[in-house]
Amino acid sequence: MRHPPTRLNFFQQVPTDPDKKKPMDYVCKDCGYVFTKGTLAWDKLDNSKYQCPPCGAGKFRFKKVPKGSESGEVKVKKSWF
């Protein structure tokens, strides 16, 4: 039984994330704030230091959504009063 020869593709392009090509927004799950500067600007932000401007939630609390699909209306859910 013969096996096909093994081929190593050192110069093969790595498949890219299809969402990187689409314009995307990022929405805070806690207050609804919409980060509208795009995926490239989002990727440049420091994961440990970025906070949502209205509510202070970390970057991990944002979800990726198609550009323009959210209204940007901030609904503050966190309250001390």
PDB file of N, CA and C in Angstrom:
ATOM      1  N   MET A   1       0.857  -1.181   0.000  1.00  0.00           N
ATOM      2  CA  MET A   1       0.000   0.000   0.000  1.00  0.00           C
ATOM      3  C   MET A   1       0.900   1.240   0.000  1.00  0.00           C
ATOM      4  N   ARG A   2       0.694   2.084  -0.973  1.00  0.00           N
ATOM      5  CA  ARG A   2       1.498   3.301  -1.081  1.00  0.00           C
ATOM      6  C   ARG A   2       0.690   4.505  -0.624  1.00  0.00           C
ATOM      7  N   HIS A   3       1.356   5.378   0.096  1.00  0.00           N
ATOM      8  CA  HIS A   3       0.725   6.616   0.557  1.00  0.00           C
ATOM      9  C   HIS A   3       1.161   7.759  -0.349  1.00  0.00           C
ATOM     10  N   PRO A   4       0.298   8.747  -0.536  1.00  0.00           N
ATOM     11  CA  PRO A   4       0.697   9.897  -1.363  1.00  0.00           C
ATOM     12  C   PRO A   4       1.851  10.624  -0.685  1.00  0.00           C
ATOM     13  N   PRO A   5       2.706  11.260  -1.463  1.00  0.00           N
ATOM     14  CA  PRO A   5       3.838  11.970  -0.866  1.00  0.00           C
ATOM     15  C   PRO A   5       3.362  13.149  -0.003  1.00  0.00           C
ATOM     16  N   THR A   6       4.093  13.407   1.058  1.00  0.00           N
ATOM     17  CA  THR A   6       3.776  14.521   1.949  1.00  0.00           C
ATOM     18  C   THR A   6       4.318  15.806   1.347  1.00  0.00           C
ATOM     19  N   ARG A   7       3.485  16.829   1.327  1.00  0.00           N
ATOM     20  CA  ARG A   7       3.905  18.128   0.806  1.00  0.00           C
ATOM     21  C   ARG A   7       3.814  19.158   1.912  1.00  0.00           C
ATOM     22  N   LEU A   8       4.863  19.904   2.056  1.00  0.00           N
ATOM     23  CA  LEU A   8       4.866  20.995   3.020  1.00  0.00           C
ATOM     24  C   LEU A   8       4.736  22.300   2.255  1.00  0.00           C
ATOM     25  N   ASN A   9       3.775  23.070   2.619  1.00  0.00           N
ATOM     26  CA  ASN A   9       3.529  24.340   1.944  1.00  0.00           C
ATOM     27  C   ASN A   9       3.979  25.485   2.843  1.00  0.00           C
ATOM     28  N   PHE A  10       5.271  25.804   2.780  1.00  0.00           N
ATOM     29  CA  PHE A  10       5.803  26.866   3.613  1.00  0.00           C
ATOM     30  C   PHE A  10       5.311  28.240   3.192  1.00  0.00           C
ATOM     31  N   PHE A  11       4.992  28.406   1.939  1.00  0.00           N
ATOM     32  CA  PHE A  11       4.629  29.727   1.427  1.00  0.00           C
ATOM     33  C   PHE A  11       3.134  29.872   1.191  1.00  0.00           C
ATOM     34  N   GLN A  12       2.377  28.953   1.697  1.00  0.00           N
ATOM     35  CA  GLN A  12       0.930  29.014   1.544  1.00  0.00           C
ATOM     36  C   GLN A  12       0.379  30.107   2.453  1.00  0.00           C
ATOM     37  N   GLN A  13      -0.576  30.863   1.949  1.00  0.00           N
ATOM     38  CA  GLN A  13      -1.175  31.925   2.746  1.00  0.00           C
ATOM     39  C   GLN A  13      -2.091  31.330   3.801  1.00  0.00           C
ATOM     40  N   VAL A  14      -2.029  31.905   4.981  1.00  0.00           N
ATOM     41  CA  VAL A  14      -2.898  31.482   6.069  1.00  0.00           C
ATOM     42  C   VAL A  14      -4.273  32.086   5.831  1.00  0.00           C
ATOM     43  N   PRO A  15      -5.331  31.297   5.965  1.00  0.00           N
ATOM     44  CA  PRO A  15      -6.671  31.859   5.773  1.00  0.00           C
ATOM     45  C   PRO A  15      -6.916  33.004   6.755  1.00  0.00           C
ATOM     46  N   THR A  16      -7.518  34.063   6.255  1.00  0.00           N
ATOM     47  CA  THR A  16      -7.775  35.227   7.101  1.00  0.00           C
ATOM     48  C   THR A  16      -9.181  35.160   7.676  1.00  0.00           C
ATOM     49  N   ASP A  17      -9.364  35.869   8.757  1.00  0.00           N
ATOM     50  CA  ASP A  17     -10.669  35.961   9.396  1.00  0.00           C
ATOM     51  C   ASP A  17     -11.589  36.766   8.477  1.00  0.00           C
ATOM     52  N   PRO A  18     -12.722  36.204   8.039  1.00  0.00           N
ATOM     53  CA  PRO A  18     -13.605  36.950   7.129  1.00  0.00           C
ATOM     54  C   PRO A  18     -14.148  38.233   7.750  1.00  0.00           C
ATOM     55  N   ASP A  19     -14.249  38.300   9.085  1.00  0.00           N
ATOM     56  CA  ASP A  19     -14.756  39.500   9.736  1.00  0.00           C
ATOM     57  C   ASP A  19     -13.762  40.651   9.675  1.00  0.00           C
ATOM     58  N   LYS A  20     -12.479  40.378   9.439  1.00  0.00           N
ATOM     59  CA  LYS A  20     -11.472  41.444   9.359  1.00  0.00           C
ATOM     60  C   LYS A  20     -11.712  42.326   8.134  1.00  0.00           C
ATOM     61  N   LYS A  21     -12.319  41.767   7.089  1.00  0.00           N
ATOM     62  CA  LYS A  21     -12.555  42.517   5.860  1.00  0.00           C
ATOM     63  C   LYS A  21     -13.842  43.325   5.922  1.00  0.00           C
ATOM     64  N   LYS A  22     -14.774  42.889   6.749  1.00  0.00           N
ATOM     65  CA  LYS A  22     -16.058  43.573   6.869  1.00  0.00           C
ATOM     66  C   LYS A  22     -15.940  44.711   7.875  1.00  0.00           C
ATOM     67  N   PRO A  23     -16.637  45.820   7.634  1.00  0.00           N
ATOM     68  CA  PRO A  23     -16.659  46.881   8.642  1.00  0.00           C
ATOM     69  C   PRO A  23     -17.502  46.423   9.837  1.00  0.00           C
ATOM     70  N   MET A  24     -16.918  46.488  11.029  1.00  0.00           N
ATOM     71  CA  MET A  24     -17.596  46.000  12.227  1.00  0.00           C
ATOM     72  C   MET A  24     -17.614  47.079  13.308  1.00  0.00           C
ATOM     73  N   ASP A  25     -18.595  46.993  14.178  1.00  0.00           N
ATOM     74  CA  ASP A  25     -18.682  47.805  15.376  1.00  0.00           C
ATOM     75  C   ASP A  25     -18.563  46.873  16.578  1.00  0.00           C
ATOM     76  N   TYR A  26     -18.308  47.443  17.743  1.00  0.00           N
ATOM     77  CA  TYR A  26     -18.220  46.674  18.978  1.00  0.00           C
ATOM     78  C   TYR A  26     -19.147  47.311  19.993  1.00  0.00           C
ATOM     79  N   VAL A  27     -20.045  46.511  20.582  1.00  0.00           N
ATOM     80  CA  VAL A  27     -21.069  47.014  21.479  1.00  0.00           C
ATOM     81  C   VAL A  27     -20.818  46.505  22.893  1.00  0.00           C
ATOM     82  N   CYS A  28     -20.843  47.408  23.855  1.00  0.00           N
ATOM     83  CA  CYS A  28     -20.694  47.038  25.263  1.00  0.00           C
ATOM     84  C   CYS A  28     -21.945  46.267  25.693  1.00  0.00           C
ATOM     85  N   LYS A  29     -21.750  45.095  26.256  1.00  0.00           N
ATOM     86  CA  LYS A  29     -22.874  44.273  26.708  1.00  0.00           C
ATOM     87  C   LYS A  29     -23.536  44.845  27.954  1.00  0.00           C
ATOM     88  N   ASP A  30     -22.826  45.709  28.670  1.00  0.00           N
ATOM     89  CA  ASP A  30     -23.376  46.248  29.907  1.00  0.00           C
ATOM     90  C   ASP A  30     -24.224  47.497  29.713  1.00  0.00           C
ATOM     91  N   CYS A  31     -23.769  48.412  28.828  1.00  0.00           N
ATOM     92  CA  CYS A  31     -24.500  49.685  28.715  1.00  0.00           C
ATOM     93  C   CYS A  31     -24.983  50.013  27.305  1.00  0.00           C
ATOM     94  N   GLY A  32     -24.494  49.304  26.282  1.00  0.00           N
ATOM     95  CA  GLY A  32     -24.944  49.562  24.920  1.00  0.00           C
ATOM     96  C   GLY A  32     -24.085  50.546  24.151  1.00  0.00           C
ATOM     97  N   TYR A  33     -22.980  51.018  24.745  1.00  0.00           N
ATOM     98  CA  TYR A  33     -22.068  51.931  24.041  1.00  0.00           C
ATOM     99  C   TYR A  33     -21.523  51.235  22.792  1.00  0.00           C
ATOM    100  N   VAL A  34     -21.440  51.977  21.682  1.00  0.00           N
ATOM    101  CA  VAL A  34     -20.955  51.400  20.422  1.00  0.00           C
ATOM    102  C   VAL A  34     -19.611  52.019  20.062  1.00  0.00           C
ATOM    103  N   PHE A  35     -18.585  51.169  19.926  1.00  0.00           N
ATOM    104  CA  PHE A  35     -17.266  51.593  19.460  1.00  0.00           C
ATOM    105  C   PHE A  35     -17.317  51.496  17.939  1.00  0.00           C
ATOM    106  N   THR A  36     -17.215  52.639  17.245  1.00  0.00           N
ATOM    107  CA  THR A  36     -17.458  52.684  15.804  1.00  0.00           C
ATOM    108  C   THR A  36     -16.210  52.924  14.965  1.00  0.00           C
ATOM    109  N   LYS A  37     -15.034  52.874  15.568  1.00  0.00           N
ATOM    110  CA  LYS A  37     -13.817  53.198  14.818  1.00  0.00           C
ATOM    111  C   LYS A  37     -13.293  52.047  13.974  1.00  0.00           C
ATOM    112  N   GLY A  38     -13.892  50.868  14.059  1.00  0.00           N
ATOM    113  CA  GLY A  38     -13.521  49.758  13.198  1.00  0.00           C
ATOM    114  C   GLY A  38     -12.620  48.719  13.852  1.00  0.00           C
ATOM    115  N   THR A  39     -12.430  47.624  13.131  1.00  0.00           N
ATOM    116  CA  THR A  39     -11.692  46.472  13.634  1.00  0.00           C
ATOM    117  C   THR A  39     -10.211  46.768  13.839  1.00  0.00           C
ATOM    118  N   LEU A  40      -9.592  47.506  12.922  1.00  0.00           N
ATOM    119  CA  LEU A  40      -8.165  47.791  13.062  1.00  0.00           C
ATOM    120  C   LEU A  40      -7.889  48.633  14.308  1.00  0.00           C
ATOM    121  N   ALA A  41      -8.712  49.639  14.549  1.00  0.00           N
ATOM    122  CA  ALA A  41      -8.551  50.470  15.746  1.00  0.00           C
ATOM    123  C   ALA A  41      -8.828  49.658  17.011  1.00  0.00           C
ATOM    124  N   TRP A  42      -9.813  48.764  16.950  1.00  0.00           N
ATOM    125  CA  TRP A  42     -10.158  47.917  18.096  1.00  0.00           C
ATOM    126  C   TRP A  42      -8.993  46.993  18.459  1.00  0.00           C
ATOM    127  N   ASP A  43      -8.370  46.400  17.441  1.00  0.00           N
ATOM    128  CA  ASP A  43      -7.260  45.480  17.671  1.00  0.00           C
ATOM    129  C   ASP A  43      -6.046  46.173  18.275  1.00  0.00           C
ATOM    130  N   LYS A  44      -5.882  47.462  18.020  1.00  0.00           N
ATOM    131  CA  LYS A  44      -4.743  48.214  18.551  1.00  0.00           C
ATOM    132  C   LYS A  44      -4.912  48.576  20.026  1.00  0.00           C
ATOM    133  N   LEU A  45      -6.139  48.527  20.536  1.00  0.00           N
ATOM    134  CA  LEU A  45      -6.390  48.884  21.934  1.00  0.00           C
ATOM    135  C   LEU A  45      -5.824  47.805  22.859  1.00  0.00           C
ATOM    136  N   ASP A  46      -5.273  48.234  23.991  1.00  0.00           N
ATOM    137  CA  ASP A  46      -4.714  47.311  24.982  1.00  0.00           C
ATOM    138  C   ASP A  46      -5.861  46.591  25.698  1.00  0.00           C
ATOM    139  N   ASN A  47      -5.831  45.260  25.682  1.00  0.00           N
ATOM    140  CA  ASN A  47      -6.904  44.465  26.298  1.00  0.00           C
ATOM    141  C   ASN A  47      -7.050  44.709  27.799  1.00  0.00           C
ATOM    142  N   SER A  48      -5.947  44.959  28.484  1.00  0.00           N
ATOM    143  CA  SER A  48      -6.004  45.105  29.931  1.00  0.00           C
ATOM    144  C   SER A  48      -6.301  46.533  30.388  1.00  0.00           C
ATOM    145  N   LYS A  49      -6.138  47.519  29.506  1.00  0.00           N
ATOM    146  CA  LYS A  49      -6.312  48.910  29.925  1.00  0.00           C
ATOM    147  C   LYS A  49      -7.567  49.581  29.380  1.00  0.00           C
ATOM    148  N   TYR A  50      -8.105  49.109  28.253  1.00  0.00           N
ATOM    149  CA  TYR A  50      -9.264  49.782  27.662  1.00  0.00           C
ATOM    150  C   TYR A  50     -10.490  49.572  28.530  1.00  0.00           C
ATOM    151  N   GLN A  51     -11.251  50.653  28.733  1.00  0.00           N
ATOM    152  CA  GLN A  51     -12.514  50.591  29.454  1.00  0.00           C
ATOM    153  C   GLN A  51     -13.588  51.315  28.664  1.00  0.00           C
ATOM    154  N   CYS A  52     -14.792  50.827  28.766  1.00  0.00           N
ATOM    155  CA  CYS A  52     -15.936  51.478  28.128  1.00  0.00           C
ATOM    156  C   CYS A  52     -16.068  52.888  28.697  1.00  0.00           C
ATOM    157  N   PRO A  53     -16.137  53.922  27.855  1.00  0.00           N
ATOM    158  CA  PRO A  53     -16.235  55.295  28.373  1.00  0.00           C
ATOM    159  C   PRO A  53     -17.418  55.549  29.317  1.00  0.00           C
ATOM    160  N   PRO A  54     -18.647  55.120  29.000  1.00  0.00           N
ATOM    161  CA  PRO A  54     -19.747  55.416  29.921  1.00  0.00           C
ATOM    162  C   PRO A  54     -19.753  54.587  31.211  1.00  0.00           C
ATOM    163  N   CYS A  55     -19.450  53.264  31.123  1.00  0.00           N
ATOM    164  CA  CYS A  55     -19.659  52.426  32.305  1.00  0.00           C
ATOM    165  C   CYS A  55     -18.386  51.811  32.881  1.00  0.00           C
ATOM    166  N   GLY A  56     -17.262  51.880  32.174  1.00  0.00           N
ATOM    167  CA  GLY A  56     -16.006  51.358  32.704  1.00  0.00           C
ATOM    168  C   GLY A  56     -15.794  49.870  32.533  1.00  0.00           C
ATOM    169  N   ALA A  57     -16.633  49.192  31.746  1.00  0.00           N
ATOM    170  CA  ALA A  57     -16.476  47.746  31.523  1.00  0.00           C
ATOM    171  C   ALA A  57     -15.210  47.482  30.708  1.00  0.00           C
ATOM    172  N   GLY A  58     -14.604  46.326  30.929  1.00  0.00           N
ATOM    173  CA  GLY A  58     -13.395  45.957  30.201  1.00  0.00           C
ATOM    174  C   GLY A  58     -13.669  45.602  28.750  1.00  0.00           C
ATOM    175  N   LYS A  59     -12.617  45.504  27.980  1.00  0.00           N
ATOM    176  CA  LYS A  59     -12.723  45.204  26.547  1.00  0.00           C
ATOM    177  C   LYS A  59     -13.390  43.853  26.292  1.00  0.00           C
ATOM    178  N   PHE A  60     -13.202  42.918  27.218  1.00  0.00           N
ATOM    179  CA  PHE A  60     -13.794  41.582  27.059  1.00  0.00           C
ATOM    180  C   PHE A  60     -15.316  41.597  27.134  1.00  0.00           C
ATOM    181  N   ARG A  61     -15.911  42.681  27.605  1.00  0.00           N
ATOM    182  CA  ARG A  61     -17.369  42.780  27.728  1.00  0.00           C
ATOM    183  C   ARG A  61     -18.037  43.314  26.459  1.00  0.00           C
ATOM    184  N   PHE A  62     -17.292  43.483  25.381  1.00  0.00           N
ATOM    185  CA  PHE A  62     -17.850  43.974  24.123  1.00  0.00           C
ATOM    186  C   PHE A  62     -18.118  42.812  23.183  1.00  0.00           C
ATOM    187  N   LYS A  63     -19.147  42.957  22.344  1.00  0.00           N
ATOM    188  CA  LYS A  63     -19.413  41.952  21.315  1.00  0.00           C
ATOM    189  C   LYS A  63     -19.304  42.606  19.943  1.00  0.00           C
ATOM    190  N   LYS A  64     -18.870  41.822  18.983  1.00  0.00           N
ATOM    191  CA  LYS A  64     -18.682  42.299  17.613  1.00  0.00           C
ATOM    192  C   LYS A  64     -20.018  42.204  16.869  1.00  0.00           C
ATOM    193  N   VAL A  65     -20.398  43.293  16.208  1.00  0.00           N
ATOM    194  CA  VAL A  65     -21.653  43.335  15.447  1.00  0.00           C
ATOM    195  C   VAL A  65     -21.393  43.995  14.099  1.00  0.00           C
ATOM    196  N   PRO A  66     -22.237  43.729  13.098  1.00  0.00           N
ATOM    197  CA  PRO A  66     -22.076  44.400  11.799  1.00  0.00           C
ATOM    198  C   PRO A  66     -22.200  45.911  11.930  1.00  0.00           C
ATOM    199  N   LYS A  67     -21.438  46.625  11.127  1.00  0.00           N
ATOM    200  CA  LYS A  67     -21.393  48.091  11.156  1.00  0.00           C
ATOM    201  C   LYS A  67     -22.786  48.682  10.995  1.00  0.00           C
ATOM    202  N   GLY A  68     -23.156  49.572  11.904  1.00  0.00           N
ATOM    203  CA  GLY A  68     -24.433  50.273  11.815  1.00  0.00           C
ATOM    204  C   GLY A  68     -25.635  49.496  12.303  1.00  0.00           C
ATOM    205  N   SER A  69     -25.452  48.297  12.830  1.00  0.00           N
ATOM    206  CA  SER A  69     -26.597  47.495  13.256  1.00  0.00           C
ATOM    207  C   SER A  69     -27.118  47.886  14.637  1.00  0.00           C
ATOM    208  N   GLU A  70     -26.312  48.617  15.402  1.00  0.00           N
ATOM    209  CA  GLU A  70     -26.730  49.054  16.737  1.00  0.00           C
ATOM    210  C   GLU A  70     -26.935  50.563  16.732  1.00  0.00           C
ATOM    211  N   SER A  71     -27.833  51.033  17.574  1.00  0.00           N
ATOM    212  CA  SER A  71     -28.195  52.452  17.578  1.00  0.00           C
ATOM    213  C   SER A  71     -27.186  53.336  18.292  1.00  0.00           C
ATOM    214  N   GLY A  72     -26.415  52.772  19.211  1.00  0.00           N
ATOM    215  CA  GLY A  72     -25.478  53.581  19.971  1.00  0.00           C
ATOM    216  C   GLY A  72     -26.117  54.256  21.165  1.00  0.00           C
ATOM    217  N   GLU A  73     -27.359  53.921  21.454  1.00  0.00           N
ATOM    218  CA  GLU A  73     -28.055  54.482  22.604  1.00  0.00           C
ATOM    219  C   GLU A  73     -27.527  53.810  23.865  1.00  0.00           C
ATOM    220  N   VAL A  74     -26.989  54.594  24.764  1.00  0.00           N
ATOM    221  CA  VAL A  74     -26.397  54.045  25.986  1.00  0.00           C
ATOM    222  C   VAL A  74     -27.489  53.845  27.030  1.00  0.00           C
ATOM    223  N   LYS A  75     -27.623  52.589  27.481  1.00  0.00           N
ATOM    224  CA  LYS A  75     -28.587  52.248  28.518  1.00  0.00           C
ATOM    225  C   LYS A  75     -27.784  51.749  29.708  1.00  0.00           C
ATOM    226  N   VAL A  76     -27.577  52.578  30.679  1.00  0.00           N
ATOM    227  CA  VAL A  76     -26.756  52.200  31.823  1.00  0.00           C
ATOM    228  C   VAL A  76     -27.526  51.218  32.694  1.00  0.00           C
ATOM    229  N   LYS A  77     -26.960  50.012  32.852  1.00  0.00           N
ATOM    230  CA  LYS A  77     -27.576  48.989  33.680  1.00  0.00           C
ATOM    231  C   LYS A  77     -26.984  48.970  35.082  1.00  0.00           C
ATOM    232  N   LYS A  78     -25.740  49.426  35.188  1.00  0.00           N
ATOM    233  CA  LYS A  78     -25.082  49.436  36.492  1.00  0.00           C
ATOM    234  C   LYS A  78     -25.503  50.692  37.235  1.00  0.00           C
ATOM    235  N   SER A  79     -25.897  50.523  38.446  1.00  0.00           N
ATOM    236  CA  SER A  79     -26.301  51.679  39.220  1.00  0.00           C
ATOM    237  C   SER A  79     -26.055  51.412  40.699  1.00  0.00           C
ATOM    238  N   TRP A  80     -25.574  52.418  41.384  1.00  0.00           N
ATOM    239  CA  TRP A  80     -25.346  52.320  42.813  1.00  0.00           C
ATOM    240  C   TRP A  80     -26.526  52.910  43.592  1.00  0.00           C
ATOM    241  N   PHE A  81     -27.470  53.501  42.885  1.00  0.00           N
ATOM    242  CA  PHE A  81     -28.573  54.176  43.565  1.00  0.00           C
ATOM    243  C   PHE A  81     -29.848  53.420  43.414  1.00  0.00           C
TER     244      PHE A  81
END
